[in-house]
Amino acid sequence: MHLSTGEHGTQSPAEFQVAMPPSPTCAGQARRIADALMRKWAVPSLLTGDVRLVVSELVTNAFLHSGTDVITLSMAVQGGVLRIDVRHHVTRHRPILRRPRDDDEHGRGLLLVKAIADNWQGSWGVSCDGTTTWCELSVAVIR
């Protein structure tokens, strides 16, 4: 795992980035990181579970579908908005929102991300090159 630092070798209190190798445990690792950041940044606990779920879904998608050799999780709080970015560095994979059938065992992750974003007056999307999936959630909604 590689942690990125801000100027002068210190981590900014409202921004964080970590690169991790893809593995079956990377989503759990990302959830633990998100939990620690939510505590450090004093994000209301009402939002923490949803942040954990968004992080888990986006990292899982990058792991399962991109074929990447590194997944980068970035999180930042600025202007009352919490932004989560998951980058997988592979341009051939572009995550898409789809409607799974009732008996499908997979395919609901981005629907959950969209629902959470809608609930927190936020948004989500995919970069033009398909390498980054992001979600923004309003922290100001619960203050």
Protein backbone atom coordinates (compact mmCIF):
# COMPACT_ATOMS: atom_id res chain seq x y z
CA MET A 1 0.00 0.00 0.00
CA HIS A 2 1.30 3.46 -0.86
CA LEU A 3 0.05 6.57 0.93
CA SER A 4 0.27 9.88 -0.86
CA THR A 5 1.23 12.93 1.12
CA GLY A 6 0.66 16.62 0.76
CA GLU A 7 3.28 19.36 0.67
CA HIS A 8 6.26 19.01 2.98
CA GLY A 9 5.56 15.30 3.49
CA THR A 10 2.43 15.69 5.63
CA GLN A 11 -1.04 14.38 4.96
CA SER A 12 -3.64 17.12 4.53
CA PRO A 13 -6.42 16.76 7.12
CA ALA A 14 -9.17 16.93 4.47
CA GLU A 15 -7.58 14.89 1.66
CA PHE A 16 -6.33 11.34 1.53
CA GLN A 17 -5.11 8.98 -1.17
CA VAL A 18 -3.92 5.39 -1.01
CA ALA A 19 -2.81 2.99 -3.75
CA MET A 20 -3.30 -0.70 -3.13
CA PRO A 21 -2.76 -3.87 -5.11
CA PRO A 22 -5.97 -5.53 -6.26
CA SER A 23 -6.87 -8.50 -4.07
CA PRO A 24 -9.93 -10.14 -2.54
CA THR A 25 -9.22 -8.16 0.65
CA CYS A 26 -8.83 -4.68 -0.89
CA ALA A 27 -12.51 -3.70 -0.40
CA GLY A 28 -12.30 -4.55 3.32
CA GLN A 29 -9.07 -2.63 3.60
CA ALA A 30 -10.70 0.37 1.86
CA ARG A 31 -13.70 0.23 4.25
CA ARG A 32 -11.38 0.33 7.27
CA ILE A 33 -9.55 3.31 5.78
CA ALA A 34 -12.84 5.09 5.12
CA ASP A 35 -13.98 4.46 8.73
CA ALA A 36 -10.74 5.91 10.10
CA LEU A 37 -11.02 8.98 7.86
CA MET A 38 -14.63 9.59 8.84
CA ARG A 39 -13.58 9.62 12.51
CA LYS A 40 -10.55 11.81 11.83
CA TRP A 41 -12.55 14.31 9.81
CA ALA A 42 -15.47 14.24 12.29
CA VAL A 43 -17.98 13.30 9.60
CA PRO A 44 -21.34 12.62 11.28
CA SER A 45 -21.82 8.93 12.01
CA LEU A 46 -25.14 8.95 10.14
CA LEU A 47 -23.13 9.25 6.91
CA THR A 48 -20.34 6.79 7.77
CA GLY A 49 -22.20 3.58 6.87
CA ASP A 50 -23.14 4.94 3.46
CA VAL A 51 -19.56 6.10 2.82
CA ARG A 52 -18.32 2.64 3.75
CA LEU A 53 -20.78 1.05 1.30
CA VAL A 54 -19.87 3.42 -1.56
CA VAL A 55 -16.14 2.82 -1.03
CA SER A 56 -16.69 -0.94 -0.88
CA GLU A 57 -18.77 -1.04 -4.08
CA LEU A 58 -16.41 1.15 -6.09
CA VAL A 59 -13.26 -0.69 -4.98
CA THR A 60 -14.93 -4.07 -5.56
CA ASN A 61 -15.90 -3.03 -9.11
CA ALA A 62 -12.33 -1.94 -9.84
CA PHE A 63 -10.99 -5.23 -8.48
CA LEU A 64 -13.48 -7.52 -10.24
CA HIS A 65 -13.84 -5.87 -13.62
CA SER A 66 -10.81 -3.78 -14.59
CA GLY A 67 -7.86 -6.18 -14.60
CA THR A 68 -5.70 -3.42 -13.11
CA ASP A 69 -2.48 -3.85 -11.18
CA VAL A 70 -3.25 -0.97 -8.78
CA ILE A 71 -6.40 0.57 -7.32
CA THR A 72 -6.22 4.10 -5.97
CA LEU A 73 -8.75 5.34 -3.41
CA SER A 74 -8.92 9.10 -2.91
CA MET A 75 -11.20 10.86 -0.45
CA ALA A 76 -11.58 14.55 0.32
CA VAL A 77 -13.93 16.89 2.14
CA GLN A 78 -14.25 20.40 0.78
CA GLY A 79 -17.04 22.94 0.90
CA GLY A 80 -19.47 20.60 2.66
CA VAL A 81 -18.98 17.83 0.08
CA LEU A 82 -17.30 14.48 0.65
CA ARG A 83 -15.78 13.16 -2.59
CA ILE A 84 -14.74 9.55 -3.13
CA ASP A 85 -12.69 8.58 -6.21
CA VAL A 86 -11.63 5.05 -7.12
CA ARG A 87 -9.17 4.82 -10.01
CA HIS A 88 -8.19 1.56 -11.66
CA HIS A 89 -5.90 2.86 -14.43
CA VAL A 90 -7.33 0.62 -17.20
CA THR A 91 -9.07 2.47 -20.02
CA ARG A 92 -10.75 -0.59 -21.56
CA HIS A 93 -13.14 -0.98 -18.60
CA ARG A 94 -15.91 1.61 -18.20
CA PRO A 95 -18.35 0.95 -15.33
CA ILE A 96 -21.99 1.33 -16.35
CA LEU A 97 -25.24 1.49 -14.43
CA ARG A 98 -27.46 -1.43 -15.34
CA ARG A 99 -30.72 -2.89 -14.11
CA PRO A 100 -30.13 -6.50 -13.04
CA ARG A 101 -32.89 -9.08 -13.20
CA ASP A 102 -34.39 -10.22 -9.89
CA ASP A 103 -32.46 -13.49 -10.01
CA ASP A 104 -29.06 -11.91 -10.87
CA GLU A 105 -26.50 -12.42 -8.11
CA HIS A 106 -24.40 -9.37 -9.11
CA GLY A 107 -24.84 -6.01 -10.79
CA ARG A 108 -26.43 -3.84 -8.09
CA GLY A 109 -23.35 -1.99 -6.84
CA LEU A 110 -23.67 1.14 -8.96
CA LEU A 111 -27.42 1.24 -8.31
CA LEU A 112 -26.58 1.38 -4.59
CA VAL A 113 -24.00 4.11 -5.19
CA LYS A 114 -26.57 6.13 -7.17
CA ALA A 115 -29.23 5.69 -4.47
CA ILE A 116 -26.82 6.79 -1.73
CA ALA A 117 -25.69 9.79 -3.78
CA ASP A 118 -29.32 10.77 -4.39
CA ASN A 119 -30.13 10.38 -0.67
CA TRP A 120 -27.25 12.69 0.33
CA GLN A 121 -27.99 15.33 -2.35
CA GLY A 122 -24.92 14.24 -4.25
CA SER A 123 -23.97 12.70 -7.54
CA TRP A 124 -21.77 10.00 -9.02
CA GLY A 125 -20.12 9.31 -12.33
CA VAL A 126 -17.31 7.87 -14.37
CA SER A 127 -14.42 9.80 -15.89
CA CYS A 128 -14.37 10.20 -19.68
CA ASP A 129 -11.57 7.65 -20.02
CA GLY A 130 -13.40 5.17 -17.76
CA THR A 131 -10.55 4.86 -15.25
CA THR A 132 -12.15 6.66 -12.32
CA THR A 133 -15.55 6.17 -10.72
CA TRP A 134 -16.49 8.88 -8.25
CA CYS A 135 -19.24 9.81 -5.82
CA GLU A 136 -19.95 13.08 -4.04
CA LEU A 137 -22.09 13.28 -0.91
CA SER A 138 -23.26 16.43 0.86
CA VAL A 139 -22.02 16.53 4.43
CA ALA A 140 -23.99 19.75 4.94
CA VAL A 141 -27.33 17.89 4.66
CA ILE A 142 -27.07 16.63 8.26
CA ARG A 143 -25.58 19.67 9.94
